[in-house]
């Protein structure tokens, strides 16, 4: 894999997602979508995305789609890279923002931010991973999940690296410096 040809300078879309009903979301850290971060060639497999994520400290990877019901993780952040296809994904709960994810896009989901697939092409496939290989829990937006979920979210540390760009990248501007231009 030639990292320079695979990784492109992405167009960043960032959204601060406030609490929505029983979904805590994360008003402190914006959801970040890196549009066109990967230029995936037809002969490549999902391993190219896994490898970039792993080089930057995001492991415990999986390959699949995105659940078609609202859920979130209270104990870790999550990154997903779109290997194939496209989907409309809602972030933040029932009245959250809907974003079209396309092949080559990467989404960085802060702990607590609800997400679900609304619809997708038949070939929609993502690679998901977690900072430092964290195990993840699944929460469904039930009232009884809080305040424990809120306490878990508050304990989640920021990742050491950006999942795509490593020691540089949008993660540092948006999460560490709180300097996202389009939030």
N, C-alpha and C. Protein backbone atom coordinates (compact mmCIF):
# COMPACT_ATOMS: atom_id res chain seq x y z
N UNK A 1 0.84 -1.18 0.00
CA UNK A 1 0.00 0.00 0.00
C UNK A 1 0.89 1.24 0.00
N UNK A 2 0.61 2.16 -0.89
CA UNK A 2 1.31 3.44 -0.92
C UNK A 2 0.45 4.46 -0.18
N UNK A 3 0.85 4.76 1.04
CA UNK A 3 0.04 5.62 1.91
C UNK A 3 -0.22 6.98 1.27
N UNK A 4 0.74 7.50 0.54
CA UNK A 4 0.57 8.83 -0.05
C UNK A 4 -0.53 8.84 -1.10
N UNK A 5 -0.70 7.75 -1.81
CA UNK A 5 -1.75 7.70 -2.83
C UNK A 5 -3.10 7.36 -2.22
N UNK A 6 -3.11 6.64 -1.13
CA UNK A 6 -4.36 6.25 -0.49
C UNK A 6 -4.99 7.42 0.26
N UNK A 7 -4.18 8.18 1.01
CA UNK A 7 -4.70 9.23 1.86
C UNK A 7 -4.70 10.56 1.12
N UNK A 8 -5.86 11.18 1.09
CA UNK A 8 -6.05 12.46 0.43
C UNK A 8 -6.31 13.53 1.49
N UNK A 9 -6.14 14.79 1.12
CA UNK A 9 -6.53 15.87 2.03
C UNK A 9 -8.05 15.98 1.98
N UNK A 10 -8.68 15.71 3.08
CA UNK A 10 -10.13 15.64 3.14
C UNK A 10 -10.74 17.02 3.36
N UNK A 11 -11.98 17.15 2.92
CA UNK A 11 -12.80 18.31 3.25
C UNK A 11 -13.49 17.98 4.57
N UNK A 12 -13.28 18.82 5.58
CA UNK A 12 -13.82 18.55 6.91
C UNK A 12 -15.22 19.14 7.06
N UNK A 13 -16.13 18.32 7.54
CA UNK A 13 -17.46 18.77 7.95
C UNK A 13 -17.57 18.41 9.43
N UNK A 14 -17.86 19.40 10.27
CA UNK A 14 -17.94 19.16 11.71
C UNK A 14 -19.27 19.67 12.25
N UNK A 15 -19.82 18.92 13.19
CA UNK A 15 -21.09 19.28 13.81
C UNK A 15 -21.01 19.07 15.32
N UNK A 16 -21.34 20.09 16.09
CA UNK A 16 -21.52 19.89 17.53
C UNK A 16 -22.93 19.37 17.72
N UNK A 17 -23.05 18.27 18.43
CA UNK A 17 -24.35 17.63 18.58
C UNK A 17 -24.75 17.64 20.05
N UNK A 18 -25.76 18.43 20.34
CA UNK A 18 -26.24 18.61 21.71
C UNK A 18 -27.10 17.42 22.14
N UNK A 19 -27.34 17.33 23.43
CA UNK A 19 -28.22 16.31 24.00
C UNK A 19 -29.56 16.32 23.26
N UNK A 20 -30.11 15.13 23.04
CA UNK A 20 -31.37 14.99 22.30
C UNK A 20 -32.19 13.91 22.99
N UNK A 21 -33.11 14.30 23.85
CA UNK A 21 -33.91 13.31 24.57
C UNK A 21 -33.01 12.46 25.45
N UNK A 22 -33.09 11.15 25.29
CA UNK A 22 -32.27 10.24 26.09
C UNK A 22 -30.90 9.98 25.49
N UNK A 23 -30.58 10.63 24.38
CA UNK A 23 -29.25 10.50 23.79
C UNK A 23 -28.37 11.63 24.30
N UNK A 24 -27.31 11.29 25.06
CA UNK A 24 -26.46 12.34 25.63
C UNK A 24 -25.72 13.14 24.57
N UNK A 25 -25.34 12.46 23.47
CA UNK A 25 -24.50 13.07 22.44
C UNK A 25 -23.25 13.63 23.09
N UNK A 26 -22.64 14.63 22.49
CA UNK A 26 -21.40 15.16 23.07
C UNK A 26 -21.25 16.63 22.69
N UNK A 27 -21.76 17.53 23.53
CA UNK A 27 -21.69 18.96 23.19
C UNK A 27 -20.28 19.53 23.24
N UNK A 28 -19.32 18.80 23.81
CA UNK A 28 -17.95 19.30 23.91
C UNK A 28 -17.08 18.94 22.71
N UNK A 29 -17.33 17.79 22.10
CA UNK A 29 -16.50 17.34 20.98
C UNK A 29 -17.37 17.20 19.73
N UNK A 30 -16.99 17.85 18.64
CA UNK A 30 -17.80 17.74 17.44
C UNK A 30 -17.63 16.41 16.71
N UNK A 31 -18.71 15.97 16.10
CA UNK A 31 -18.68 14.89 15.13
C UNK A 31 -17.89 15.43 13.94
N UNK A 32 -16.98 14.62 13.41
CA UNK A 32 -16.17 15.08 12.28
C UNK A 32 -16.29 14.11 11.12
N UNK A 33 -16.58 14.65 9.94
CA UNK A 33 -16.64 13.85 8.72
C UNK A 33 -15.54 14.34 7.80
N UNK A 34 -14.65 13.43 7.43
CA UNK A 34 -13.57 13.74 6.50
C UNK A 34 -14.04 13.27 5.13
N UNK A 35 -14.56 14.19 4.32
CA UNK A 35 -15.06 13.84 3.00
C UNK A 35 -13.88 13.56 2.06
N UNK A 36 -13.85 12.34 1.50
CA UNK A 36 -12.82 11.99 0.54
C UNK A 36 -11.44 11.77 1.13
N UNK A 37 -11.37 11.27 2.36
CA UNK A 37 -10.07 11.07 3.01
C UNK A 37 -9.25 9.96 2.34
N UNK A 38 -9.94 8.92 1.84
CA UNK A 38 -9.24 7.79 1.22
C UNK A 38 -9.58 7.71 -0.26
N UNK A 39 -8.57 7.51 -1.07
CA UNK A 39 -8.75 7.20 -2.48
C UNK A 39 -8.53 5.69 -2.61
N UNK A 40 -9.62 4.96 -2.61
CA UNK A 40 -9.55 3.50 -2.58
C UNK A 40 -9.62 2.96 -4.00
N UNK A 41 -8.60 2.21 -4.36
CA UNK A 41 -8.53 1.65 -5.71
C UNK A 41 -9.32 0.34 -5.78
N UNK A 42 -9.83 0.00 -6.97
CA UNK A 42 -10.70 -1.19 -7.10
C UNK A 42 -10.07 -2.51 -6.66
N UNK A 43 -8.76 -2.63 -6.74
CA UNK A 43 -8.12 -3.91 -6.37
C UNK A 43 -7.76 -3.98 -4.89
N UNK A 44 -8.09 -2.95 -4.10
CA UNK A 44 -7.76 -2.96 -2.68
C UNK A 44 -8.89 -3.56 -1.85
N UNK A 45 -8.53 -4.03 -0.67
CA UNK A 45 -9.51 -4.61 0.25
C UNK A 45 -9.68 -3.68 1.45
N UNK A 46 -10.57 -4.06 2.33
CA UNK A 46 -10.83 -3.29 3.55
C UNK A 46 -9.57 -3.15 4.40
N UNK A 47 -8.60 -4.05 4.19
CA UNK A 47 -7.36 -4.04 4.98
C UNK A 47 -6.61 -2.71 4.86
N UNK A 48 -6.75 -2.00 3.73
CA UNK A 48 -6.02 -0.73 3.59
C UNK A 48 -6.50 0.29 4.62
N UNK A 49 -7.80 0.32 4.88
CA UNK A 49 -8.33 1.25 5.89
C UNK A 49 -7.93 0.77 7.28
N UNK A 50 -8.07 -0.53 7.54
CA UNK A 50 -7.67 -1.09 8.84
C UNK A 50 -6.22 -0.74 9.15
N UNK A 51 -5.36 -0.84 8.14
CA UNK A 51 -3.94 -0.61 8.34
C UNK A 51 -3.66 0.85 8.71
N UNK A 52 -4.29 1.79 8.03
CA UNK A 52 -4.10 3.21 8.35
C UNK A 52 -4.59 3.49 9.77
N UNK A 53 -5.78 3.00 10.09
CA UNK A 53 -6.31 3.20 11.44
C UNK A 53 -5.36 2.62 12.48
N UNK A 54 -4.88 1.39 12.24
CA UNK A 54 -4.00 0.71 13.21
C UNK A 54 -2.69 1.48 13.39
N UNK A 55 -2.13 1.99 12.29
CA UNK A 55 -0.88 2.76 12.38
C UNK A 55 -1.05 3.99 13.26
N UNK A 56 -2.28 4.46 13.37
CA UNK A 56 -2.57 5.66 14.16
C UNK A 56 -3.20 5.35 15.51
N UNK A 57 -3.18 4.06 15.90
CA UNK A 57 -3.63 3.67 17.23
C UNK A 57 -5.10 3.32 17.36
N UNK A 58 -5.78 3.11 16.25
CA UNK A 58 -7.20 2.74 16.27
C UNK A 58 -7.31 1.28 15.83
N UNK A 59 -7.65 0.42 16.78
CA UNK A 59 -7.70 -1.01 16.50
C UNK A 59 -9.03 -1.58 17.01
N UNK A 60 -9.04 -2.91 17.26
CA UNK A 60 -10.29 -3.62 17.56
C UNK A 60 -11.25 -3.39 16.40
N UNK A 61 -10.73 -3.52 15.20
CA UNK A 61 -11.47 -3.16 13.98
C UNK A 61 -12.46 -4.24 13.57
N UNK A 62 -13.48 -3.80 12.85
CA UNK A 62 -14.50 -4.68 12.29
C UNK A 62 -14.87 -4.16 10.91
N UNK A 63 -15.48 -5.02 10.09
CA UNK A 63 -15.94 -4.66 8.75
C UNK A 63 -17.40 -5.07 8.65
N UNK A 64 -18.26 -4.13 8.32
CA UNK A 64 -19.71 -4.40 8.24
C UNK A 64 -20.41 -3.15 7.73
N UNK A 65 -21.71 -3.06 8.00
CA UNK A 65 -22.47 -1.85 7.74
C UNK A 65 -22.61 -1.09 9.04
N UNK A 66 -23.61 -0.21 9.10
CA UNK A 66 -23.94 0.53 10.32
C UNK A 66 -25.34 0.10 10.73
N UNK A 67 -25.56 -0.14 12.03
CA UNK A 67 -26.87 -0.57 12.51
C UNK A 67 -27.96 0.39 12.03
N UNK A 68 -29.14 -0.17 11.78
CA UNK A 68 -30.27 0.65 11.32
C UNK A 68 -31.18 1.04 12.48
N UNK A 69 -30.60 1.19 13.65
CA UNK A 69 -31.33 1.71 14.82
C UNK A 69 -30.39 2.63 15.60
N UNK A 70 -30.99 3.58 16.31
CA UNK A 70 -30.20 4.54 17.08
C UNK A 70 -29.43 3.82 18.18
N UNK A 71 -28.16 4.11 18.28
CA UNK A 71 -27.32 3.55 19.34
C UNK A 71 -26.11 4.46 19.51
N UNK A 72 -25.43 4.29 20.63
CA UNK A 72 -24.20 5.04 20.87
C UNK A 72 -23.30 4.23 21.79
N UNK A 73 -22.07 4.70 21.91
CA UNK A 73 -21.09 4.07 22.78
C UNK A 73 -20.70 5.09 23.85
N UNK A 74 -20.87 4.73 25.11
CA UNK A 74 -20.58 5.68 26.18
C UNK A 74 -19.15 5.56 26.70
N UNK A 75 -18.45 4.51 26.30
CA UNK A 75 -17.13 4.26 26.89
C UNK A 75 -15.97 4.44 25.92
N UNK A 76 -16.23 4.88 24.69
CA UNK A 76 -15.15 5.09 23.72
C UNK A 76 -15.64 5.93 22.55
N UNK A 77 -14.69 6.58 21.90
CA UNK A 77 -14.96 7.22 20.61
C UNK A 77 -14.89 6.12 19.55
N UNK A 78 -15.37 6.42 18.34
CA UNK A 78 -15.36 5.43 17.26
C UNK A 78 -14.98 6.13 15.97
N UNK A 79 -14.25 5.43 15.11
CA UNK A 79 -13.96 5.93 13.77
C UNK A 79 -14.49 4.91 12.77
N UNK A 80 -15.04 5.41 11.68
CA UNK A 80 -15.49 4.53 10.59
C UNK A 80 -14.99 5.10 9.27
N UNK A 81 -14.45 4.21 8.45
CA UNK A 81 -14.03 4.57 7.10
C UNK A 81 -14.90 3.82 6.11
N UNK A 82 -15.46 4.54 5.13
CA UNK A 82 -16.33 3.92 4.15
C UNK A 82 -15.48 3.28 3.07
N UNK A 83 -15.54 1.95 3.00
CA UNK A 83 -14.76 1.22 2.00
C UNK A 83 -15.50 1.16 0.66
N UNK A 84 -16.82 1.02 0.72
CA UNK A 84 -17.58 0.81 -0.51
C UNK A 84 -19.00 1.35 -0.34
N UNK A 85 -19.58 1.85 -1.41
CA UNK A 85 -20.97 2.26 -1.41
C UNK A 85 -21.20 3.61 -0.76
N UNK A 86 -22.49 3.84 -0.44
CA UNK A 86 -22.87 5.09 0.20
C UNK A 86 -24.07 4.85 1.08
N UNK A 87 -24.26 5.74 2.04
CA UNK A 87 -25.40 5.63 2.96
C UNK A 87 -25.77 6.99 3.52
N UNK A 88 -27.04 7.13 3.89
CA UNK A 88 -27.48 8.27 4.67
C UNK A 88 -27.47 7.83 6.12
N UNK A 89 -26.72 8.54 6.94
CA UNK A 89 -26.57 8.18 8.34
C UNK A 89 -27.02 9.37 9.19
N UNK A 90 -27.85 9.07 10.19
CA UNK A 90 -28.31 10.11 11.10
C UNK A 90 -27.47 10.06 12.37
N UNK A 91 -27.02 11.23 12.79
CA UNK A 91 -26.21 11.37 14.00
C UNK A 91 -26.95 12.26 14.99
N UNK A 92 -27.03 11.82 16.24
CA UNK A 92 -27.59 12.66 17.27
C UNK A 92 -28.97 12.30 17.75
N UNK A 93 -29.57 11.24 17.22
CA UNK A 93 -30.90 10.86 17.65
C UNK A 93 -31.95 11.23 16.61
N UNK A 94 -33.21 11.11 17.03
CA UNK A 94 -34.32 11.24 16.09
C UNK A 94 -34.38 12.56 15.33
N UNK A 95 -33.91 13.62 15.92
CA UNK A 95 -33.95 14.91 15.23
C UNK A 95 -32.54 15.40 14.92
N UNK A 96 -31.62 14.46 14.81
CA UNK A 96 -30.22 14.80 14.56
C UNK A 96 -29.95 15.13 13.12
N UNK A 97 -28.69 15.32 12.81
CA UNK A 97 -28.25 15.69 11.47
C UNK A 97 -28.10 14.43 10.62
N UNK A 98 -28.53 14.52 9.36
CA UNK A 98 -28.40 13.41 8.41
C UNK A 98 -27.26 13.74 7.45
N UNK A 99 -26.32 12.81 7.31
CA UNK A 99 -25.15 13.03 6.47
C UNK A 99 -24.99 11.86 5.51
N UNK A 100 -24.75 12.18 4.24
CA UNK A 100 -24.46 11.13 3.27
C UNK A 100 -22.98 10.79 3.36
N UNK A 101 -22.72 9.53 3.63
CA UNK A 101 -21.34 9.03 3.65
C UNK A 101 -21.09 8.28 2.36
N UNK A 102 -19.96 8.56 1.73
CA UNK A 102 -19.59 7.95 0.45
C UNK A 102 -18.26 7.23 0.58
N UNK A 103 -18.00 6.36 -0.39
CA UNK A 103 -16.72 5.65 -0.46
C UNK A 103 -15.56 6.62 -0.26
N UNK A 104 -14.67 6.29 0.68
CA UNK A 104 -13.51 7.12 0.96
C UNK A 104 -13.69 8.10 2.09
N UNK A 105 -14.93 8.28 2.57
CA UNK A 105 -15.17 9.18 3.69
C UNK A 105 -14.80 8.51 5.01
N UNK A 106 -14.44 9.32 5.98
CA UNK A 106 -14.15 8.86 7.34
C UNK A 106 -14.99 9.69 8.29
N UNK A 107 -15.59 9.05 9.27
CA UNK A 107 -16.35 9.77 10.29
C UNK A 107 -15.76 9.45 11.66
N UNK A 108 -15.52 10.50 12.46
CA UNK A 108 -15.02 10.35 13.81
C UNK A 108 -16.19 10.70 14.74
N UNK A 109 -16.64 9.69 15.49
CA UNK A 109 -17.84 9.83 16.32
C UNK A 109 -17.42 9.91 17.79
N UNK A 110 -17.67 11.06 18.41
CA UNK A 110 -17.33 11.18 19.83
C UNK A 110 -18.19 10.25 20.70
N UNK A 111 -17.64 9.82 21.81
CA UNK A 111 -18.40 9.01 22.76
C UNK A 111 -19.72 9.71 23.06
N UNK A 112 -20.80 8.94 23.07
CA UNK A 112 -22.11 9.47 23.41
C UNK A 112 -22.96 9.90 22.24
N UNK A 113 -22.38 10.05 21.05
CA UNK A 113 -23.14 10.53 19.90
C UNK A 113 -23.88 9.36 19.25
N UNK A 114 -25.21 9.48 19.22
CA UNK A 114 -26.06 8.45 18.62
C UNK A 114 -25.86 8.44 17.11
N UNK A 115 -25.98 7.25 16.53
CA UNK A 115 -25.88 7.12 15.08
C UNK A 115 -26.69 5.93 14.60
N UNK A 116 -27.21 6.04 13.38
CA UNK A 116 -27.93 4.94 12.74
C UNK A 116 -27.96 5.15 11.23
N UNK A 117 -27.98 4.04 10.51
CA UNK A 117 -28.09 4.09 9.05
C UNK A 117 -29.57 4.24 8.70
N UNK A 118 -29.88 5.23 7.87
CA UNK A 118 -31.26 5.40 7.41
C UNK A 118 -31.51 4.59 6.14
N UNK A 119 -30.57 4.64 5.22
CA UNK A 119 -30.63 3.82 4.00
C UNK A 119 -29.24 3.76 3.40
N UNK A 120 -29.05 2.80 2.50
CA UNK A 120 -27.72 2.65 1.91
C UNK A 120 -27.80 1.88 0.61
N UNK A 121 -26.73 1.96 -0.16
CA UNK A 121 -26.58 1.10 -1.33
C UNK A 121 -26.33 -0.32 -0.81
N UNK A 122 -26.60 -1.31 -1.64
CA UNK A 122 -26.45 -2.71 -1.23
C UNK A 122 -25.01 -3.06 -0.86
N UNK A 123 -24.05 -2.36 -1.46
CA UNK A 123 -22.64 -2.68 -1.23
C UNK A 123 -22.00 -1.85 -0.11
N UNK A 124 -22.80 -1.08 0.63
CA UNK A 124 -22.25 -0.20 1.67
C UNK A 124 -21.48 -1.01 2.71
N UNK A 125 -20.19 -0.67 2.86
CA UNK A 125 -19.31 -1.37 3.80
C UNK A 125 -18.41 -0.36 4.48
N UNK A 126 -18.33 -0.44 5.80
CA UNK A 126 -17.42 0.42 6.54
C UNK A 126 -16.45 -0.41 7.36
N UNK A 127 -15.32 0.20 7.68
CA UNK A 127 -14.36 -0.35 8.62
C UNK A 127 -14.47 0.53 9.86
N UNK A 128 -14.77 -0.09 11.00
CA UNK A 128 -14.84 0.64 12.26
C UNK A 128 -13.67 0.27 13.15
N UNK A 129 -13.26 1.20 14.00
CA UNK A 129 -12.17 0.93 14.94
C UNK A 129 -12.28 1.92 16.11
N UNK A 130 -11.47 1.67 17.13
CA UNK A 130 -11.57 2.41 18.38
C UNK A 130 -10.18 2.81 18.87
N UNK A 131 -10.05 4.03 19.45
CA UNK A 131 -8.73 4.45 19.95
C UNK A 131 -8.17 3.44 20.95
N UNK A 132 -6.93 3.09 20.76
CA UNK A 132 -6.23 2.14 21.63
C UNK A 132 -6.94 0.80 21.73
N UNK A 133 -7.71 0.44 20.71
CA UNK A 133 -8.38 -0.86 20.68
C UNK A 133 -9.44 -1.04 21.74
N UNK A 134 -10.00 0.03 22.20
CA UNK A 134 -11.00 -0.04 23.27
C UNK A 134 -12.13 -1.00 22.93
N UNK A 135 -12.58 -1.72 23.95
CA UNK A 135 -13.83 -2.45 23.81
C UNK A 135 -14.94 -1.42 23.87
N UNK A 136 -16.02 -1.67 23.19
CA UNK A 136 -17.11 -0.70 23.14
C UNK A 136 -18.38 -1.33 23.72
N UNK A 137 -19.18 -0.48 24.32
CA UNK A 137 -20.50 -0.92 24.75
C UNK A 137 -21.52 -0.38 23.75
N UNK A 138 -22.75 -0.80 23.88
CA UNK A 138 -23.82 -0.28 23.03
C UNK A 138 -24.95 0.17 23.92
N UNK A 139 -25.32 1.43 23.76
CA UNK A 139 -26.44 2.03 24.48
C UNK A 139 -27.51 2.39 23.45
N UNK A 140 -28.78 2.36 23.90
CA UNK A 140 -29.90 2.50 22.96
C UNK A 140 -30.75 3.74 23.19
N UNK A 141 -30.34 4.64 24.07
CA UNK A 141 -31.12 5.83 24.31
C UNK A 141 -32.27 5.61 25.28
N UNK A 142 -32.11 4.64 26.18
CA UNK A 142 -33.14 4.39 27.20
C UNK A 142 -32.84 5.26 28.41
N UNK A 143 -33.90 5.76 29.03
CA UNK A 143 -33.74 6.67 30.17
C UNK A 143 -32.90 6.04 31.28
N UNK A 144 -33.07 4.76 31.51
CA UNK A 144 -32.36 4.10 32.61
C UNK A 144 -30.85 3.95 32.36
N UNK A 145 -30.39 4.20 31.14
CA UNK A 145 -28.96 4.12 30.84
C UNK A 145 -28.18 5.30 31.42
N UNK A 146 -28.89 6.36 31.70
CA UNK A 146 -28.26 7.55 32.25
C UNK A 146 -28.62 7.63 33.73
N UNK A 147 -27.84 8.17 34.63
CA UNK A 147 -26.65 9.00 34.41
C UNK A 147 -25.35 8.21 34.25
N UNK A 148 -25.39 6.87 34.38
CA UNK A 148 -24.16 6.09 34.25
C UNK A 148 -23.47 6.36 32.91
N UNK A 149 -24.25 6.44 31.84
CA UNK A 149 -23.66 6.71 30.52
C UNK A 149 -22.97 8.07 30.51
N UNK A 150 -23.58 9.08 31.14
CA UNK A 150 -22.97 10.41 31.20
C UNK A 150 -21.63 10.35 31.94
N UNK A 151 -21.58 9.58 33.02
CA UNK A 151 -20.34 9.43 33.79
C UNK A 151 -19.27 8.74 32.94
N UNK A 152 -19.67 7.72 32.18
CA UNK A 152 -18.72 7.02 31.30
C UNK A 152 -18.16 7.98 30.24
N UNK A 153 -19.04 8.75 29.61
CA UNK A 153 -18.63 9.67 28.55
C UNK A 153 -17.60 10.67 29.09
N UNK A 154 -17.84 11.17 30.28
CA UNK A 154 -16.93 12.16 30.89
C UNK A 154 -15.54 11.59 31.13
N UNK A 155 -15.43 10.27 31.26
CA UNK A 155 -14.13 9.62 31.53
C UNK A 155 -13.34 9.30 30.26
N UNK A 156 -13.98 9.36 29.10
CA UNK A 156 -13.30 8.97 27.85
C UNK A 156 -12.28 10.04 27.48
N UNK A 157 -11.04 9.60 27.31
CA UNK A 157 -9.95 10.52 26.97
C UNK A 157 -9.91 10.76 25.46
N UNK A 158 -9.38 11.91 25.08
CA UNK A 158 -9.17 12.18 23.67
C UNK A 158 -8.10 11.23 23.12
N UNK A 159 -8.24 10.79 21.87
CA UNK A 159 -7.23 9.90 21.27
C UNK A 159 -5.87 10.58 21.16
N UNK A 160 -4.83 9.76 21.10
CA UNK A 160 -3.47 10.28 20.94
C UNK A 160 -3.20 10.78 19.53
N UNK A 161 -3.89 10.20 18.55
CA UNK A 161 -3.64 10.54 17.15
C UNK A 161 -4.94 10.71 16.38
N UNK A 162 -4.84 11.44 15.28
CA UNK A 162 -5.93 11.50 14.32
C UNK A 162 -5.99 10.14 13.62
N UNK A 163 -7.18 9.58 13.36
CA UNK A 163 -7.24 8.23 12.79
C UNK A 163 -6.69 8.12 11.37
N UNK A 164 -6.67 9.22 10.64
CA UNK A 164 -6.19 9.21 9.26
C UNK A 164 -4.80 9.84 9.15
N UNK A 165 -4.62 11.00 9.77
CA UNK A 165 -3.42 11.79 9.55
C UNK A 165 -2.38 11.67 10.67
N UNK A 166 -2.65 10.83 11.66
CA UNK A 166 -1.66 10.58 12.70
C UNK A 166 -1.45 11.74 13.65
N UNK A 167 -0.19 12.22 13.73
CA UNK A 167 0.15 13.26 14.70
C UNK A 167 -0.27 14.65 14.25
N UNK A 168 -0.81 14.76 13.05
CA UNK A 168 -1.36 16.03 12.56
C UNK A 168 -2.85 15.79 12.34
N UNK A 169 -3.51 16.73 11.77
CA UNK A 169 -4.87 16.47 11.34
C UNK A 169 -5.95 17.22 12.09
N UNK A 170 -7.15 17.03 11.58
CA UNK A 170 -8.34 17.76 12.04
C UNK A 170 -8.67 17.49 13.50
N UNK A 171 -8.40 16.30 13.97
CA UNK A 171 -8.74 15.94 15.35
C UNK A 171 -8.12 16.92 16.34
N UNK A 172 -6.88 17.29 16.10
CA UNK A 172 -6.19 18.19 17.02
C UNK A 172 -6.79 19.58 16.98
N UNK A 173 -7.11 20.08 15.80
CA UNK A 173 -7.74 21.40 15.68
C UNK A 173 -9.10 21.43 16.37
N UNK A 174 -9.90 20.41 16.11
CA UNK A 174 -11.29 20.41 16.58
C UNK A 174 -11.45 19.96 18.02
N UNK A 175 -10.73 18.95 18.44
CA UNK A 175 -10.95 18.39 19.76
C UNK A 175 -10.01 18.95 20.81
N UNK A 176 -8.78 19.26 20.44
CA UNK A 176 -7.83 19.76 21.42
C UNK A 176 -7.86 21.29 21.49
N UNK A 177 -7.88 21.93 20.34
CA UNK A 177 -7.84 23.40 20.30
C UNK A 177 -9.23 24.02 20.24
N UNK A 178 -10.27 23.18 20.07
CA UNK A 178 -11.64 23.68 19.93
C UNK A 178 -11.73 24.75 18.84
N UNK A 179 -11.09 24.43 17.69
CA UNK A 179 -10.99 25.40 16.61
C UNK A 179 -11.45 24.79 15.29
N UNK A 180 -12.71 24.38 15.23
CA UNK A 180 -13.29 23.88 13.99
C UNK A 180 -13.99 25.03 13.28
N UNK A 181 -13.60 25.28 12.09
CA UNK A 181 -14.15 26.42 11.37
C UNK A 181 -15.66 26.30 11.09
N UNK A 182 -16.13 25.10 10.79
CA UNK A 182 -17.53 24.99 10.36
C UNK A 182 -18.44 24.30 11.36
N UNK A 183 -18.18 24.49 12.64
CA UNK A 183 -19.06 23.89 13.67
C UNK A 183 -20.17 24.87 13.97
